[in-house]
């Protein structure tokens, strides 16, 4: 089975590509999803895991964000061969502030516009294109709305906030925590994301849309995350408690894994202690 990972040299993509021994479609591989010629290469693959995106939330760059995340995705979808598999990395942030109404967020959470940035809105629009082309071109599709997926650092890649915390602890730099460290997040190791992609490929599901994250068993406040990182590393964090960052939206997010567990038989294998150790 031939597998292609777009963004396969990125923060998550590097590890997903290595897990599957897949090929890479990324600018670091001198390929671009905005190039029609480069995008056409997907027709030679059985599975395409689409991680490439412009991860920018700024209103001033909305044109480039929509160009990359929507049109770039469509370029790939138009070339998918019949019977192949397309897995799309979306985000939990399509739910915006509505997620705060759920103790565990399921797929029925509203996605109405509630101040989401161009990044989140571009992902939501791209989801609809995935569903359309999967049916029009008769290939299987899976949309994963990712919660906090963390991975060991790789060269030239910018980590998410978990990796930022690790980097600060390693260097002895001061950490400013959003919302005074009280916001709650569920964390998922990148290898468990790869296993979820594998589970969909091995399933009989034609078109799936799933929230995916660590779930209630891998949930921490940001303060608890810092203490857990201290525990697994043996290092001391320096937290600037007098200058917290603004609270995020949503304030709390925990993934409801009911649907993905029922349909794909998947759940996280890597616990927080084991997973966070891999970051040091």
C-alpha atoms as a PDB file:
ATOM      1  CA  UNK A   1       0.000   0.000   0.000  1.00  0.00           C
ATOM      2  CA  UNK A   2       1.475   3.336  -1.096  1.00  0.00           C
ATOM      3  CA  UNK A   3       0.987   6.169   1.398  1.00  0.00           C
ATOM      4  CA  UNK A   4       1.602   9.888   0.953  1.00  0.00           C
ATOM      5  CA  UNK A   5       1.722  12.442   3.773  1.00  0.00           C
ATOM      6  CA  UNK A   6       1.277  16.067   2.803  1.00  0.00           C
ATOM      7  CA  UNK A   7       3.231  18.287   5.150  1.00  0.00           C
ATOM      8  CA  UNK A   8       5.334  15.217   5.835  1.00  0.00           C
ATOM      9  CA  UNK A   9       8.279  17.294   7.024  1.00  0.00           C
ATOM     10  CA  UNK A  10       6.248  19.279   9.578  1.00  0.00           C
ATOM     11  CA  UNK A  11       5.858  19.091  13.343  1.00  0.00           C
ATOM     12  CA  UNK A  12       3.382  16.192  13.227  1.00  0.00           C
ATOM     13  CA  UNK A  13       3.923  15.094   9.641  1.00  0.00           C
ATOM     14  CA  UNK A  14       7.536  14.044  10.187  1.00  0.00           C
ATOM     15  CA  UNK A  15       6.432  11.436  12.730  1.00  0.00           C
ATOM     16  CA  UNK A  16       3.344  10.292  10.798  1.00  0.00           C
ATOM     17  CA  UNK A  17       5.446   9.843   7.664  1.00  0.00           C
ATOM     18  CA  UNK A  18       8.069   7.823   9.565  1.00  0.00           C
ATOM     19  CA  UNK A  19       5.372   5.670  11.191  1.00  0.00           C
ATOM     20  CA  UNK A  20       4.041   4.618   7.777  1.00  0.00           C
ATOM     21  CA  UNK A  21       7.336   4.827   5.875  1.00  0.00           C
ATOM     22  CA  UNK A  22       5.388   7.142   3.583  1.00  0.00           C
ATOM     23  CA  UNK A  23       6.368   9.636   0.907  1.00  0.00           C
ATOM     24  CA  UNK A  24       6.347  13.376   1.514  1.00  0.00           C
ATOM     25  CA  UNK A  25       4.534  16.143  -0.348  1.00  0.00           C
ATOM     26  CA  UNK A  26       5.810  19.353   1.210  1.00  0.00           C
ATOM     27  CA  UNK A  27       7.761  22.451   0.351  1.00  0.00           C
ATOM     28  CA  UNK A  28      10.797  20.979   2.068  1.00  0.00           C
ATOM     29  CA  UNK A  29      10.529  18.143  -0.433  1.00  0.00           C
ATOM     30  CA  UNK A  30      10.299  20.813  -3.180  1.00  0.00           C
ATOM     31  CA  UNK A  31       6.610  20.062  -3.727  1.00  0.00           C
ATOM     32  CA  UNK A  32       3.591  22.283  -3.101  1.00  0.00           C
ATOM     33  CA  UNK A  33      -0.127  21.519  -2.779  1.00  0.00           C
ATOM     34  CA  UNK A  34      -0.813  24.836  -4.545  1.00  0.00           C
ATOM     35  CA  UNK A  35       0.915  23.484  -7.661  1.00  0.00           C
ATOM     36  CA  UNK A  36      -1.556  21.577  -9.833  1.00  0.00           C
ATOM     37  CA  UNK A  37       1.303  19.504 -11.224  1.00  0.00           C
ATOM     38  CA  UNK A  38       2.569  18.540  -7.784  1.00  0.00           C
ATOM     39  CA  UNK A  39      -0.938  17.867  -6.430  1.00  0.00           C
ATOM     40  CA  UNK A  40      -1.585  15.450  -9.291  1.00  0.00           C
ATOM     41  CA  UNK A  41       0.884  12.994  -7.758  1.00  0.00           C
ATOM     42  CA  UNK A  42      -1.793  11.868  -5.263  1.00  0.00           C
ATOM     43  CA  UNK A  43      -3.397   9.762  -7.998  1.00  0.00           C
ATOM     44  CA  UNK A  44      -0.494   7.308  -7.614  1.00  0.00           C
ATOM     45  CA  UNK A  45      -1.237   6.591  -3.926  1.00  0.00           C
ATOM     46  CA  UNK A  46      -3.620   4.331  -2.065  1.00  0.00           C
ATOM     47  CA  UNK A  47      -3.732   6.561   1.042  1.00  0.00           C
ATOM     48  CA  UNK A  48      -3.219  10.317   1.362  1.00  0.00           C
ATOM     49  CA  UNK A  49      -2.892  11.790   4.860  1.00  0.00           C
ATOM     50  CA  UNK A  50      -3.357  15.527   4.420  1.00  0.00           C
ATOM     51  CA  UNK A  51      -1.553  17.472   7.151  1.00  0.00           C
ATOM     52  CA  UNK A  52      -0.168  20.355   5.069  1.00  0.00           C
ATOM     53  CA  UNK A  53      -1.707  23.688   6.077  1.00  0.00           C
ATOM     54  CA  UNK A  54      -0.946  27.321   6.727  1.00  0.00           C
ATOM     55  CA  UNK A  55      -1.313  27.420  10.514  1.00  0.00           C
ATOM     56  CA  UNK A  56      -1.839  31.149  10.844  1.00  0.00           C
ATOM     57  CA  UNK A  57      -4.737  32.750  12.718  1.00  0.00           C
ATOM     58  CA  UNK A  58      -4.164  36.355  11.711  1.00  0.00           C
ATOM     59  CA  UNK A  59      -7.016  38.233  10.033  1.00  0.00           C
ATOM     60  CA  UNK A  60      -4.540  40.162   7.906  1.00  0.00           C
ATOM     61  CA  UNK A  61      -3.350  36.994   6.167  1.00  0.00           C
ATOM     62  CA  UNK A  62      -6.770  35.477   5.547  1.00  0.00           C
ATOM     63  CA  UNK A  63      -6.299  35.409   1.760  1.00  0.00           C
ATOM     64  CA  UNK A  64      -3.237  33.164   1.940  1.00  0.00           C
ATOM     65  CA  UNK A  65      -4.803  31.045   4.680  1.00  0.00           C
ATOM     66  CA  UNK A  66      -7.894  30.269   2.586  1.00  0.00           C
ATOM     67  CA  UNK A  67      -5.783  29.800  -0.529  1.00  0.00           C
ATOM     68  CA  UNK A  68      -3.563  27.162   1.087  1.00  0.00           C
ATOM     69  CA  UNK A  69      -6.045  25.403   3.344  1.00  0.00           C
ATOM     70  CA  UNK A  70      -9.049  25.361   1.016  1.00  0.00           C
ATOM     71  CA  UNK A  71      -7.778  25.562  -2.555  1.00  0.00           C
ATOM     72  CA  UNK A  72      -4.705  23.482  -1.749  1.00  0.00           C
ATOM     73  CA  UNK A  73      -6.965  20.785  -0.346  1.00  0.00           C
ATOM     74  CA  UNK A  74      -9.256  20.904  -3.385  1.00  0.00           C
ATOM     75  CA  UNK A  75      -6.233  20.511  -5.672  1.00  0.00           C
ATOM     76  CA  UNK A  76      -5.550  17.168  -3.996  1.00  0.00           C
ATOM     77  CA  UNK A  77      -9.164  16.008  -3.856  1.00  0.00           C
ATOM     78  CA  UNK A  78      -9.682  16.505  -7.597  1.00  0.00           C
ATOM     79  CA  UNK A  79      -6.873  14.028  -8.293  1.00  0.00           C
ATOM     80  CA  UNK A  80      -7.745  11.235  -5.861  1.00  0.00           C
ATOM     81  CA  UNK A  81      -8.234   7.883  -7.542  1.00  0.00           C
ATOM     82  CA  UNK A  82     -11.343   5.771  -7.100  1.00  0.00           C
ATOM     83  CA  UNK A  83     -11.196   3.446  -4.099  1.00  0.00           C
ATOM     84  CA  UNK A  84      -8.340   5.280  -2.378  1.00  0.00           C
ATOM     85  CA  UNK A  85      -8.371   6.824   1.120  1.00  0.00           C
ATOM     86  CA  UNK A  86      -8.108  10.523   2.000  1.00  0.00           C
ATOM     87  CA  UNK A  87      -7.528  11.483   5.646  1.00  0.00           C
ATOM     88  CA  UNK A  88      -7.900  15.179   6.473  1.00  0.00           C
ATOM     89  CA  UNK A  89      -6.471  16.854   9.579  1.00  0.00           C
ATOM     90  CA  UNK A  90      -9.016  19.410  10.759  1.00  0.00           C
ATOM     91  CA  UNK A  91      -9.139  20.996  14.222  1.00  0.00           C
ATOM     92  CA  UNK A  92     -11.263  21.036  17.361  1.00  0.00           C
ATOM     93  CA  UNK A  93     -11.252  24.828  17.095  1.00  0.00           C
ATOM     94  CA  UNK A  94     -13.946  24.712  14.404  1.00  0.00           C
ATOM     95  CA  UNK A  95     -16.299  24.562  17.422  1.00  0.00           C
ATOM     96  CA  UNK A  96     -15.066  27.870  18.843  1.00  0.00           C
ATOM     97  CA  UNK A  97     -16.684  28.978  22.093  1.00  0.00           C
ATOM     98  CA  UNK A  98     -19.500  26.394  21.736  1.00  0.00           C
ATOM     99  CA  UNK A  99     -17.115  23.719  23.030  1.00  0.00           C
ATOM    100  CA  UNK A 100     -17.346  25.252  26.508  1.00  0.00           C
ATOM    101  CA  UNK A 101     -20.947  23.999  26.685  1.00  0.00           C
ATOM    102  CA  UNK A 102     -19.740  20.369  26.743  1.00  0.00           C
ATOM    103  CA  UNK A 103     -17.862  18.581  29.525  1.00  0.00           C
ATOM    104  CA  UNK A 104     -16.647  16.232  26.775  1.00  0.00           C
ATOM    105  CA  UNK A 105     -17.018  17.545  23.235  1.00  0.00           C
ATOM    106  CA  UNK A 106     -18.760  15.282  20.726  1.00  0.00           C
ATOM    107  CA  UNK A 107     -19.301  15.688  17.004  1.00  0.00           C
ATOM    108  CA  UNK A 108     -22.724  17.301  17.551  1.00  0.00           C
ATOM    109  CA  UNK A 109     -21.181  20.437  19.011  1.00  0.00           C
ATOM    110  CA  UNK A 110     -22.248  23.434  16.846  1.00  0.00           C
ATOM    111  CA  UNK A 111     -19.802  24.860  14.317  1.00  0.00           C
ATOM    112  CA  UNK A 112     -21.663  28.122  13.714  1.00  0.00           C
ATOM    113  CA  UNK A 113     -19.477  31.186  13.317  1.00  0.00           C
ATOM    114  CA  UNK A 114     -18.538  32.474  16.760  1.00  0.00           C
ATOM    115  CA  UNK A 115     -15.384  34.460  16.132  1.00  0.00           C
ATOM    116  CA  UNK A 116     -13.267  31.613  14.765  1.00  0.00           C
ATOM    117  CA  UNK A 117     -10.108  32.762  13.005  1.00  0.00           C
ATOM    118  CA  UNK A 118      -9.426  32.303   9.268  1.00  0.00           C
ATOM    119  CA  UNK A 119      -7.490  29.143  10.149  1.00  0.00           C
ATOM    120  CA  UNK A 120     -10.416  27.401  11.822  1.00  0.00           C
ATOM    121  CA  UNK A 121     -12.923  28.623   9.227  1.00  0.00           C
ATOM    122  CA  UNK A 122     -10.706  27.469   6.361  1.00  0.00           C
ATOM    123  CA  UNK A 123     -10.521  24.020   7.927  1.00  0.00           C
ATOM    124  CA  UNK A 124     -14.305  23.858   8.281  1.00  0.00           C
ATOM    125  CA  UNK A 125     -14.807  24.868   4.648  1.00  0.00           C
ATOM    126  CA  UNK A 126     -12.229  22.311   3.512  1.00  0.00           C
ATOM    127  CA  UNK A 127     -14.124  19.598   5.412  1.00  0.00           C
ATOM    128  CA  UNK A 128     -17.141  20.160   3.176  1.00  0.00           C
ATOM    129  CA  UNK A 129     -14.992  19.809   0.062  1.00  0.00           C
ATOM    130  CA  UNK A 130     -13.604  16.536   1.410  1.00  0.00           C
ATOM    131  CA  UNK A 131     -17.115  15.174   1.830  1.00  0.00           C
ATOM    132  CA  UNK A 132     -18.211  16.354  -1.611  1.00  0.00           C
ATOM    133  CA  UNK A 133     -15.261  14.996  -3.593  1.00  0.00           C
ATOM    134  CA  UNK A 134     -15.197  11.687  -1.698  1.00  0.00           C
ATOM    135  CA  UNK A 135     -18.711  11.025  -2.937  1.00  0.00           C
ATOM    136  CA  UNK A 136     -18.227  12.540  -6.395  1.00  0.00           C
ATOM    137  CA  UNK A 137     -14.990  10.630  -7.101  1.00  0.00           C
ATOM    138  CA  UNK A 138     -15.849   7.502  -5.097  1.00  0.00           C
ATOM    139  CA  UNK A 139     -12.994   7.386  -2.612  1.00  0.00           C
ATOM    140  CA  UNK A 140     -13.089   6.885   1.149  1.00  0.00           C
ATOM    141  CA  UNK A 141     -12.602   9.912   3.409  1.00  0.00           C
ATOM    142  CA  UNK A 142     -11.907  10.572   7.053  1.00  0.00           C
ATOM    143  CA  UNK A 143     -11.939  13.933   8.829  1.00  0.00           C
ATOM    144  CA  UNK A 144     -10.147  14.119  12.171  1.00  0.00           C
ATOM    145  CA  UNK A 145     -10.903  17.186  14.295  1.00  0.00           C
ATOM    146  CA  UNK A 146      -7.683  17.163  16.260  1.00  0.00           C
ATOM    147  CA  UNK A 147      -7.379  18.164  19.882  1.00  0.00           C
ATOM    148  CA  UNK A 148      -3.885  18.799  21.291  1.00  0.00           C
ATOM    149  CA  UNK A 149      -1.566  16.389  19.450  1.00  0.00           C
ATOM    150  CA  UNK A 150       2.016  16.591  20.716  1.00  0.00           C
ATOM    151  CA  UNK A 151       5.219  15.208  19.237  1.00  0.00           C
ATOM    152  CA  UNK A 152       8.979  15.160  19.849  1.00  0.00           C
ATOM    153  CA  UNK A 153      10.655  18.204  18.357  1.00  0.00           C
ATOM    154  CA  UNK A 154      12.249  17.978  14.925  1.00  0.00           C
ATOM    155  CA  UNK A 155      14.571  20.430  13.239  1.00  0.00           C
ATOM    156  CA  UNK A 156      13.063  23.598  11.709  1.00  0.00           C
ATOM    157  CA  UNK A 157       9.576  22.882  13.092  1.00  0.00           C
ATOM    158  CA  UNK A 158       7.594  25.036  15.511  1.00  0.00           C
ATOM    159  CA  UNK A 159       5.892  22.991  18.256  1.00  0.00           C
ATOM    160  CA  UNK A 160       2.471  23.546  19.774  1.00  0.00           C
ATOM    161  CA  UNK A 161       2.140  24.814  23.348  1.00  0.00           C
ATOM    162  CA  UNK A 162       3.151  21.438  24.830  1.00  0.00           C
ATOM    163  CA  UNK A 163       6.442  21.533  22.957  1.00  0.00           C
ATOM    164  CA  UNK A 164       6.848  25.199  23.900  1.00  0.00           C
ATOM    165  CA  UNK A 165       6.506  24.294  27.580  1.00  0.00           C
ATOM    166  CA  UNK A 166       9.092  21.534  27.166  1.00  0.00           C
ATOM    167  CA  UNK A 167      11.519  23.869  25.413  1.00  0.00           C
ATOM    168  CA  UNK A 168      11.181  26.500  28.142  1.00  0.00           C
ATOM    169  CA  UNK A 169      11.727  23.927  30.895  1.00  0.00           C
ATOM    170  CA  UNK A 170      14.779  22.540  29.092  1.00  0.00           C
ATOM    171  CA  UNK A 171      16.274  26.030  28.772  1.00  0.00           C
ATOM    172  CA  UNK A 172      15.231  27.339  32.190  1.00  0.00           C
ATOM    173  CA  UNK A 173      13.150  30.085  30.600  1.00  0.00           C
ATOM    174  CA  UNK A 174      10.125  31.666  32.270  1.00  0.00           C
ATOM    175  CA  UNK A 175       6.726  30.296  31.314  1.00  0.00           C
ATOM    176  CA  UNK A 176       3.594  32.437  31.066  1.00  0.00           C
ATOM    177  CA  UNK A 177       0.471  30.288  31.250  1.00  0.00           C
ATOM    178  CA  UNK A 178      -2.851  31.222  29.630  1.00  0.00           C
ATOM    179  CA  UNK A 179      -5.642  31.848  32.099  1.00  0.00           C
ATOM    180  CA  UNK A 180      -3.327  31.414  35.066  1.00  0.00           C
ATOM    181  CA  UNK A 181      -2.837  27.755  34.159  1.00  0.00           C
ATOM    182  CA  UNK A 182      -6.474  26.833  34.796  1.00  0.00           C
ATOM    183  CA  UNK A 183      -7.628  25.935  31.233  1.00  0.00           C
ATOM    184  CA  UNK A 184      -8.106  22.201  30.630  1.00  0.00           C
ATOM    185  CA  UNK A 185      -6.873  20.295  27.564  1.00  0.00           C
ATOM    186  CA  UNK A 186      -6.700  16.639  26.548  1.00  0.00           C
ATOM    187  CA  UNK A 187      -3.416  15.530  25.010  1.00  0.00           C
ATOM    188  CA  UNK A 188      -2.684  12.921  22.333  1.00  0.00           C
ATOM    189  CA  UNK A 189       0.716  11.530  21.328  1.00  0.00           C
ATOM    190  CA  UNK A 190       1.422  11.724  17.597  1.00  0.00           C
ATOM    191  CA  UNK A 191       1.926   7.951  17.343  1.00  0.00           C
ATOM    192  CA  UNK A 192      -1.653   7.455  18.539  1.00  0.00           C
ATOM    193  CA  UNK A 193      -2.786   9.772  15.747  1.00  0.00           C
ATOM    194  CA  UNK A 194      -0.945   7.534  13.269  1.00  0.00           C
ATOM    195  CA  UNK A 195      -2.670   4.496  14.774  1.00  0.00           C
ATOM    196  CA  UNK A 196      -6.029   6.206  14.273  1.00  0.00           C
ATOM    197  CA  UNK A 197      -5.200   6.758  10.595  1.00  0.00           C
ATOM    198  CA  UNK A 198      -4.291   3.083  10.378  1.00  0.00           C
ATOM    199  CA  UNK A 199      -7.561   2.113  12.073  1.00  0.00           C
ATOM    200  CA  UNK A 200      -9.594   4.041   9.512  1.00  0.00           C
ATOM    201  CA  UNK A 201      -7.693   2.504   6.602  1.00  0.00           C
ATOM    202  CA  UNK A 202      -8.393  -0.957   8.004  1.00  0.00           C
ATOM    203  CA  UNK A 203     -12.088  -0.241   8.626  1.00  0.00           C
ATOM    204  CA  UNK A 204     -15.085  -0.524   6.312  1.00  0.00           C
ATOM    205  CA  UNK A 205     -16.245   3.037   6.988  1.00  0.00           C
ATOM    206  CA  UNK A 206     -16.750   4.995   3.758  1.00  0.00           C
ATOM    207  CA  UNK A 207     -16.843   8.531   5.122  1.00  0.00           C
ATOM    208  CA  UNK A 208     -16.018   9.340   8.719  1.00  0.00           C
ATOM    209  CA  UNK A 209     -15.833  12.511  10.816  1.00  0.00           C
ATOM    210  CA  UNK A 210     -14.367  12.151  14.287  1.00  0.00           C
ATOM    211  CA  UNK A 211     -13.201  14.238  17.194  1.00  0.00           C
ATOM    212  CA  UNK A 212      -9.833  12.855  18.203  1.00  0.00           C
ATOM    213  CA  UNK A 213      -7.672  13.615  21.233  1.00  0.00           C
ATOM    214  CA  UNK A 214      -6.445  12.093  24.426  1.00  0.00           C
ATOM    215  CA  UNK A 215      -9.903  11.942  25.976  1.00  0.00           C
ATOM    216  CA  UNK A 216     -10.756  12.163  29.645  1.00  0.00           C
ATOM    217  CA  UNK A 217      -7.944   9.773  30.608  1.00  0.00           C
ATOM    218  CA  UNK A 218      -5.294  12.122  29.217  1.00  0.00           C
ATOM    219  CA  UNK A 219      -6.674  15.430  30.469  1.00  0.00           C
ATOM    220  CA  UNK A 220      -4.837  18.071  32.501  1.00  0.00           C
ATOM    221  CA  UNK A 221      -5.057  21.700  33.452  1.00  0.00           C
ATOM    222  CA  UNK A 222      -2.082  23.656  32.138  1.00  0.00           C
ATOM    223  CA  UNK A 223      -0.746  23.894  35.706  1.00  0.00           C
ATOM    224  CA  UNK A 224      -0.994  20.116  36.023  1.00  0.00           C
ATOM    225  CA  UNK A 225       0.754  19.730  32.670  1.00  0.00           C
ATOM    226  CA  UNK A 226       3.711  21.789  33.899  1.00  0.00           C
ATOM    227  CA  UNK A 227       3.951  19.646  37.044  1.00  0.00           C
ATOM    228  CA  UNK A 228       3.757  16.464  34.961  1.00  0.00           C
ATOM    229  CA  UNK A 229       6.571  17.732  32.699  1.00  0.00           C
ATOM    230  CA  UNK A 230       8.665  18.431  35.791  1.00  0.00           C
ATOM    231  CA  UNK A 231       7.940  14.914  37.031  1.00  0.00           C
ATOM    232  CA  UNK A 232       8.916  13.085  33.842  1.00  0.00           C
ATOM    233  CA  UNK A 233      12.002  15.237  33.167  1.00  0.00           C
ATOM    234  CA  UNK A 234      13.384  15.792  36.657  1.00  0.00           C
ATOM    235  CA  UNK A 235      13.711  19.485  35.761  1.00  0.00           C
ATOM    236  CA  UNK A 236      12.215  22.556  37.423  1.00  0.00           C
ATOM    237  CA  UNK A 237       9.855  24.881  35.560  1.00  0.00           C
ATOM    238  CA  UNK A 238      10.015  28.635  36.109  1.00  0.00           C
ATOM    239  CA  UNK A 239       6.451  29.973  35.915  1.00  0.00           C
ATOM    240  CA  UNK A 240       5.721  33.698  35.736  1.00  0.00           C
ATOM    241  CA  UNK A 241       2.588  33.740  37.881  1.00  0.00           C
ATOM    242  CA  UNK A 242       2.311  37.537  37.912  1.00  0.00           C
ATOM    243  CA  UNK A 243       1.880  37.908  34.147  1.00  0.00           C
ATOM    244  CA  UNK A 244      -0.497  35.211  32.863  1.00  0.00           C
ATOM    245  CA  UNK A 245      -1.546  35.158  29.225  1.00  0.00           C
ATOM    246  CA  UNK A 246      -5.235  35.701  28.322  1.00  0.00           C
ATOM    247  CA  UNK A 247      -7.562  32.732  28.663  1.00  0.00           C
ATOM    248  CA  UNK A 248      -8.044  30.743  25.442  1.00  0.00           C
ATOM    249  CA  UNK A 249     -11.304  29.986  23.632  1.00  0.00           C
ATOM    250  CA  UNK A 250     -12.660  27.552  24.588  1.00  0.00           C
ATOM    251  CA  UNK A 251     -11.517  27.708  28.193  1.00  0.00           C
ATOM    252  CA  UNK A 252     -11.724  23.924  28.548  1.00  0.00           C
ATOM    253  CA  UNK A 253     -11.672  21.159  25.954  1.00  0.00           C
ATOM    254  CA  UNK A 254     -11.918  17.404  26.480  1.00  0.00           C
ATOM    255  CA  UNK A 255     -12.611  15.112  23.517  1.00  0.00           C
ATOM    256  CA  UNK A 256     -15.541  12.713  23.629  1.00  0.00           C
ATOM    257  CA  UNK A 257     -14.068   9.574  22.042  1.00  0.00           C
ATOM    258  CA  UNK A 258     -17.340   7.615  21.911  1.00  0.00           C
ATOM    259  CA  UNK A 259     -17.879   7.738  18.145  1.00  0.00           C
ATOM    260  CA  UNK A 260     -14.317   6.984  17.044  1.00  0.00           C
ATOM    261  CA  UNK A 261     -14.111   4.130  19.547  1.00  0.00           C
ATOM    262  CA  UNK A 262     -17.403   2.639  18.372  1.00  0.00           C
ATOM    263  CA  UNK A 263     -16.711   2.924  14.635  1.00  0.00           C
ATOM    264  CA  UNK A 264     -12.949   2.394  14.407  1.00  0.00           C
ATOM    265  CA  UNK A 265     -12.221   0.460  17.598  1.00  0.00           C
ATOM    266  CA  UNK A 266      -9.562   3.073  18.394  1.00  0.00           C
ATOM    267  CA  UNK A 267      -8.521   4.625  21.675  1.00  0.00           C
ATOM    268  CA  UNK A 268      -5.224   6.147  22.844  1.00  0.00           C
ATOM    269  CA  UNK A 269      -2.548   3.625  23.795  1.00  0.00           C
ATOM    270  CA  UNK A 270       0.132   6.023  25.031  1.00  0.00           C
ATOM    271  CA  UNK A 271      -0.435   7.492  28.494  1.00  0.00           C
ATOM    272  CA  UNK A 272       0.748  10.920  29.549  1.00  0.00           C
ATOM    273  CA  UNK A 273       3.787   9.780  31.529  1.00  0.00           C
ATOM    274  CA  UNK A 274       5.072   7.570  28.722  1.00  0.00           C
ATOM    275  CA  UNK A 275       4.230  10.064  25.985  1.00  0.00           C
ATOM    276  CA  UNK A 276       5.582  13.220  27.600  1.00  0.00           C
ATOM    277  CA  UNK A 277       8.882  11.502  28.373  1.00  0.00           C
ATOM    278  CA  UNK A 278       9.493  11.246  24.619  1.00  0.00           C
ATOM    279  CA  UNK A 279       9.607  15.044  24.411  1.00  0.00           C
ATOM    280  CA  UNK A 280      12.781  15.371  26.488  1.00  0.00           C
END
